[in-house]
Amino acid sequence: MYNRISNREVEAKVTTAAAAAQLIKDGMTVGMSGFSMAGYPKAVPTALARRAEKGE
């Protein structure tokens, strides 16, 4: 994936879905877009669901 990112400042912000899910705290509102299957968010909501299953 990193070979597709030409801006090194942006590349430094790329993280895993699990790490991104850890940034979401109880009570936060999370907006997601994706009107087509190509843009449908999959990894972060799944990681967030795993946290919920663990009781977080």
PDB file of N, CA and C in Angstrom:
ATOM      1  N   MET A   1       0.826  -1.192   0.000  1.00  0.00           N
ATOM      2  CA  MET A   1       0.000   0.000   0.000  1.00  0.00           C
ATOM      3  C   MET A   1       0.869   1.255   0.000  1.00  0.00           C
ATOM      4  N   TYR A   2       1.988   1.225   0.706  1.00  0.00           N
ATOM      5  CA  TYR A   2       2.805   2.427   0.839  1.00  0.00           C
ATOM      6  C   TYR A   2       3.338   2.917  -0.496  1.00  0.00           C
ATOM      7  N   ASN A   3       3.487   2.037  -1.467  1.00  0.00           N
ATOM      8  CA  ASN A   3       3.968   2.483  -2.769  1.00  0.00           C
ATOM      9  C   ASN A   3       2.923   3.293  -3.519  1.00  0.00           C
ATOM     10  N   ARG A   4       1.678   3.299  -3.039  1.00  0.00           N
ATOM     11  CA  ARG A   4       0.616   4.091  -3.673  1.00  0.00           C
ATOM     12  C   ARG A   4       0.482   5.483  -3.068  1.00  0.00           C
ATOM     13  N   ILE A   5       1.163   5.758  -1.959  1.00  0.00           N
ATOM     14  CA  ILE A   5       1.073   7.057  -1.284  1.00  0.00           C
ATOM     15  C   ILE A   5       2.310   7.866  -1.633  1.00  0.00           C
ATOM     16  N   SER A   6       2.109   8.984  -2.328  1.00  0.00           N
ATOM     17  CA  SER A   6       3.258   9.786  -2.747  1.00  0.00           C
ATOM     18  C   SER A   6       3.633  10.858  -1.731  1.00  0.00           C
ATOM     19  N   ASN A   7       2.727  11.239  -0.852  1.00  0.00           N
ATOM     20  CA  ASN A   7       2.999  12.270   0.144  1.00  0.00           C
ATOM     21  C   ASN A   7       3.462  11.596   1.435  1.00  0.00           C
ATOM     22  N   ARG A   8       4.702  11.824   1.839  1.00  0.00           N
ATOM     23  CA  ARG A   8       5.274  11.159   3.013  1.00  0.00           C
ATOM     24  C   ARG A   8       4.606  11.604   4.316  1.00  0.00           C
ATOM     25  N   GLU A   9       4.102  12.828   4.382  1.00  0.00           N
ATOM     26  CA  GLU A   9       3.392  13.278   5.586  1.00  0.00           C
ATOM     27  C   GLU A   9       2.103  12.493   5.765  1.00  0.00           C
ATOM     28  N   VAL A  10       1.430  12.220   4.675  1.00  0.00           N
ATOM     29  CA  VAL A  10       0.201  11.420   4.737  1.00  0.00           C
ATOM     30  C   VAL A  10       0.551   9.976   5.073  1.00  0.00           C
ATOM     31  N   GLU A  11       1.609   9.467   4.488  1.00  0.00           N
ATOM     32  CA  GLU A  11       2.028   8.088   4.731  1.00  0.00           C
ATOM     33  C   GLU A  11       2.263   7.834   6.223  1.00  0.00           C
ATOM     34  N   ALA A  12       2.785   8.828   6.925  1.00  0.00           N
ATOM     35  CA  ALA A  12       3.062   8.698   8.355  1.00  0.00           C
ATOM     36  C   ALA A  12       1.783   8.557   9.179  1.00  0.00           C
ATOM     37  N   LYS A  13       0.643   8.923   8.608  1.00  0.00           N
ATOM     38  CA  LYS A  13      -0.632   8.850   9.322  1.00  0.00           C
ATOM     39  C   LYS A  13      -1.379   7.542   9.086  1.00  0.00           C
ATOM     40  N   VAL A  14      -0.863   6.711   8.198  1.00  0.00           N
ATOM     41  CA  VAL A  14      -1.508   5.432   7.909  1.00  0.00           C
ATOM     42  C   VAL A  14      -1.310   4.504   9.100  1.00  0.00           C
ATOM     43  N   THR A  15      -2.377   3.822   9.513  1.00  0.00           N
ATOM     44  CA  THR A  15      -2.313   2.938  10.670  1.00  0.00           C
ATOM     45  C   THR A  15      -3.179   1.708  10.417  1.00  0.00           C
ATOM     46  N   THR A  16      -3.182   0.809  11.338  1.00  0.00           N
ATOM     47  CA  THR A  16      -4.013  -0.391  11.212  1.00  0.00           C
ATOM     48  C   THR A  16      -5.443  -0.072  11.625  1.00  0.00           C
ATOM     49  N   ALA A  17      -6.355  -0.939  11.229  1.00  0.00           N
ATOM     50  CA  ALA A  17      -7.759  -0.764  11.618  1.00  0.00           C
ATOM     51  C   ALA A  17      -7.912  -0.865  13.128  1.00  0.00           C
ATOM     52  N   ALA A  18      -7.184  -1.779  13.744  1.00  0.00           N
ATOM     53  CA  ALA A  18      -7.271  -1.943  15.201  1.00  0.00           C
ATOM     54  C   ALA A  18      -6.783  -0.692  15.926  1.00  0.00           C
ATOM     55  N   ALA A  19      -5.702  -0.105  15.446  1.00  0.00           N
ATOM     56  CA  ALA A  19      -5.189   1.120  16.072  1.00  0.00           C
ATOM     57  C   ALA A  19      -6.165   2.274  15.862  1.00  0.00           C
ATOM     58  N   ALA A  20      -6.775   2.349  14.689  1.00  0.00           N
ATOM     59  CA  ALA A  20      -7.764   3.399  14.432  1.00  0.00           C
ATOM     60  C   ALA A  20      -8.985   3.215  15.322  1.00  0.00           C
ATOM     61  N   ALA A  21      -9.401   1.975  15.513  1.00  0.00           N
ATOM     62  CA  ALA A  21     -10.564   1.704  16.370  1.00  0.00           C
ATOM     63  C   ALA A  21     -10.297   2.103  17.818  1.00  0.00           C
ATOM     64  N   GLN A  22      -9.044   2.019  18.246  1.00  0.00           N
ATOM     65  CA  GLN A  22      -8.699   2.425  19.611  1.00  0.00           C
ATOM     66  C   GLN A  22      -8.850   3.926  19.828  1.00  0.00           C
ATOM     67  N   LEU A  23      -8.823   4.695  18.750  1.00  0.00           N
ATOM     68  CA  LEU A  23      -8.989   6.146  18.860  1.00  0.00           C
ATOM     69  C   LEU A  23     -10.448   6.544  19.084  1.00  0.00           C
ATOM     70  N   ILE A  24     -11.369   5.624  18.834  1.00  0.00           N
ATOM     71  CA  ILE A  24     -12.798   5.904  18.974  1.00  0.00           C
ATOM     72  C   ILE A  24     -13.204   5.599  20.408  1.00  0.00           C
ATOM     73  N   LYS A  25     -13.668   6.613  21.107  1.00  0.00           N
ATOM     74  CA  LYS A  25     -14.036   6.486  22.523  1.00  0.00           C
ATOM     75  C   LYS A  25     -15.552   6.453  22.686  1.00  0.00           C
ATOM     76  N   ASP A  26     -16.004   5.916  23.812  1.00  0.00           N
ATOM     77  CA  ASP A  26     -17.423   5.829  24.122  1.00  0.00           C
ATOM     78  C   ASP A  26     -18.067   7.211  24.052  1.00  0.00           C
ATOM     79  N   GLY A  27     -19.191   7.303  23.372  1.00  0.00           N
ATOM     80  CA  GLY A  27     -19.923   8.555  23.256  1.00  0.00           C
ATOM     81  C   GLY A  27     -19.577   9.362  22.017  1.00  0.00           C
ATOM     82  N   MET A  28     -18.516   8.997  21.322  1.00  0.00           N
ATOM     83  CA  MET A  28     -18.148   9.713  20.101  1.00  0.00           C
ATOM     84  C   MET A  28     -19.111   9.367  18.977  1.00  0.00           C
ATOM     85  N   THR A  29     -19.289  10.293  18.070  1.00  0.00           N
ATOM     86  CA  THR A  29     -20.071  10.061  16.862  1.00  0.00           C
ATOM     87  C   THR A  29     -19.087   9.839  15.724  1.00  0.00           C
ATOM     88  N   VAL A  30     -19.272   8.733  15.020  1.00  0.00           N
ATOM     89  CA  VAL A  30     -18.380   8.387  13.919  1.00  0.00           C
ATOM     90  C   VAL A  30     -19.182   8.417  12.627  1.00  0.00           C
ATOM     91  N   GLY A  31     -18.764   9.235  11.696  1.00  0.00           N
ATOM     92  CA  GLY A  31     -19.422   9.304  10.396  1.00  0.00           C
ATOM     93  C   GLY A  31     -18.624   8.530   9.365  1.00  0.00           C
ATOM     94  N   MET A  32     -19.326   7.789   8.546  1.00  0.00           N
ATOM     95  CA  MET A  32     -18.673   7.019   7.482  1.00  0.00           C
ATOM     96  C   MET A  32     -19.441   7.225   6.202  1.00  0.00           C
ATOM     97  N   SER A  33     -18.713   7.259   5.122  1.00  0.00           N
ATOM     98  CA  SER A  33     -19.370   7.388   3.836  1.00  0.00           C
ATOM     99  C   SER A  33     -19.034   6.184   2.991  1.00  0.00           C
ATOM    100  N   GLY A  34     -19.661   6.102   1.880  1.00  0.00           N
ATOM    101  CA  GLY A  34     -19.409   5.000   0.969  1.00  0.00           C
ATOM    102  C   GLY A  34     -20.703   4.622   0.278  1.00  0.00           C
ATOM    103  N   PHE A  35     -20.962   5.278  -0.816  1.00  0.00           N
ATOM    104  CA  PHE A  35     -22.210   5.020  -1.533  1.00  0.00           C
ATOM    105  C   PHE A  35     -22.058   3.895  -2.541  1.00  0.00           C
ATOM    106  N   SER A  36     -20.841   3.390  -2.653  1.00  0.00           N
ATOM    107  CA  SER A  36     -20.614   2.242  -3.530  1.00  0.00           C
ATOM    108  C   SER A  36     -19.805   1.219  -2.752  1.00  0.00           C
ATOM    109  N   MET A  37     -19.818   0.010  -3.194  1.00  0.00           N
ATOM    110  CA  MET A  37     -19.086  -1.034  -2.488  1.00  0.00           C
ATOM    111  C   MET A  37     -17.579  -0.776  -2.486  1.00  0.00           C
ATOM    112  N   ALA A  38     -17.073  -0.065  -3.485  1.00  0.00           N
ATOM    113  CA  ALA A  38     -15.639   0.214  -3.532  1.00  0.00           C
ATOM    114  C   ALA A  38     -15.219   1.124  -2.385  1.00  0.00           C
ATOM    115  N   GLY A  39     -16.085   2.024  -1.952  1.00  0.00           N
ATOM    116  CA  GLY A  39     -15.746   2.944  -0.886  1.00  0.00           C
ATOM    117  C   GLY A  39     -16.324   2.562   0.461  1.00  0.00           C
ATOM    118  N   TYR A  40     -16.924   1.394   0.544  1.00  0.00           N
ATOM    119  CA  TYR A  40     -17.589   0.964   1.773  1.00  0.00           C
ATOM    120  C   TYR A  40     -16.563   0.704   2.871  1.00  0.00           C
ATOM    121  N   PRO A  41     -16.711   1.339   4.035  1.00  0.00           N
ATOM    122  CA  PRO A  41     -15.755   1.119   5.123  1.00  0.00           C
ATOM    123  C   PRO A  41     -15.964  -0.265   5.734  1.00  0.00           C
ATOM    124  N   LYS A  42     -14.912  -1.050   5.817  1.00  0.00           N
ATOM    125  CA  LYS A  42     -15.051  -2.406   6.328  1.00  0.00           C
ATOM    126  C   LYS A  42     -14.158  -2.682   7.534  1.00  0.00           C
ATOM    127  N   ALA A  43     -12.906  -2.316   7.466  1.00  0.00           N
ATOM    128  CA  ALA A  43     -11.932  -2.740   8.461  1.00  0.00           C
ATOM    129  C   ALA A  43     -12.132  -2.077   9.823  1.00  0.00           C
ATOM    130  N   VAL A  44     -12.318  -0.775   9.872  1.00  0.00           N
ATOM    131  CA  VAL A  44     -12.438  -0.084  11.162  1.00  0.00           C
ATOM    132  C   VAL A  44     -13.736  -0.460  11.885  1.00  0.00           C
ATOM    133  N   PRO A  45     -14.898  -0.493  11.213  1.00  0.00           N
ATOM    134  CA  PRO A  45     -16.102  -0.927  11.935  1.00  0.00           C
ATOM    135  C   PRO A  45     -15.988  -2.358  12.477  1.00  0.00           C
ATOM    136  N   THR A  46     -15.311  -3.220  11.736  1.00  0.00           N
ATOM    137  CA  THR A  46     -15.110  -4.593  12.209  1.00  0.00           C
ATOM    138  C   THR A  46     -14.208  -4.610  13.440  1.00  0.00           C
ATOM    139  N   ALA A  47     -13.145  -3.832  13.421  1.00  0.00           N
ATOM    140  CA  ALA A  47     -12.250  -3.742  14.574  1.00  0.00           C
ATOM    141  C   ALA A  47     -12.972  -3.139  15.772  1.00  0.00           C
ATOM    142  N   LEU A  48     -13.832  -2.183  15.525  1.00  0.00           N
ATOM    143  CA  LEU A  48     -14.617  -1.573  16.600  1.00  0.00           C
ATOM    144  C   LEU A  48     -15.598  -2.592  17.188  1.00  0.00           C
ATOM    145  N   ALA A  49     -16.195  -3.403  16.332  1.00  0.00           N
ATOM    146  CA  ALA A  49     -17.107  -4.446  16.802  1.00  0.00           C
ATOM    147  C   ALA A  49     -16.367  -5.465  17.665  1.00  0.00           C
ATOM    148  N   ARG A  50     -15.143  -5.793  17.306  1.00  0.00           N
ATOM    149  CA  ARG A  50     -14.344  -6.722  18.119  1.00  0.00           C
ATOM    150  C   ARG A  50     -14.105  -6.147  19.509  1.00  0.00           C
ATOM    151  N   ARG A  51     -13.859  -4.849  19.600  1.00  0.00           N
ATOM    152  CA  ARG A  51     -13.704  -4.210  20.908  1.00  0.00           C
ATOM    153  C   ARG A  51     -14.971  -4.340  21.718  1.00  0.00           C
ATOM    154  N   ALA A  52     -16.115  -4.131  21.073  1.00  0.00           N
ATOM    155  CA  ALA A  52     -17.405  -4.237  21.772  1.00  0.00           C
ATOM    156  C   ALA A  52     -17.646  -5.650  22.262  1.00  0.00           C
ATOM    157  N   GLU A  53     -17.282  -6.635  21.458  1.00  0.00           N
ATOM    158  CA  GLU A  53     -17.447  -8.029  21.865  1.00  0.00           C
ATOM    159  C   GLU A  53     -16.617  -8.368  23.095  1.00  0.00           C
ATOM    160  N   LYS A  54     -15.490  -7.685  23.252  1.00  0.00           N
ATOM    161  CA  LYS A  54     -14.618  -7.898  24.419  1.00  0.00           C
ATOM    162  C   LYS A  54     -15.127  -7.144  25.651  1.00  0.00           C
ATOM    163  N   GLY A  55     -16.191  -6.361  25.472  1.00  0.00           N
ATOM    164  CA  GLY A  55     -16.757  -5.617  26.592  1.00  0.00           C
ATOM    165  C   GLY A  55     -16.198  -4.229  26.762  1.00  0.00           C
ATOM    166  N   GLU A  56     -15.457  -3.744  25.780  1.00  0.00           N
ATOM    167  CA  GLU A  56     -14.908  -2.386  25.883  1.00  0.00           C
ATOM    168  C   GLU A  56     -15.976  -1.365  25.563  1.00  0.00           C
TER     169      GLU A  56
END
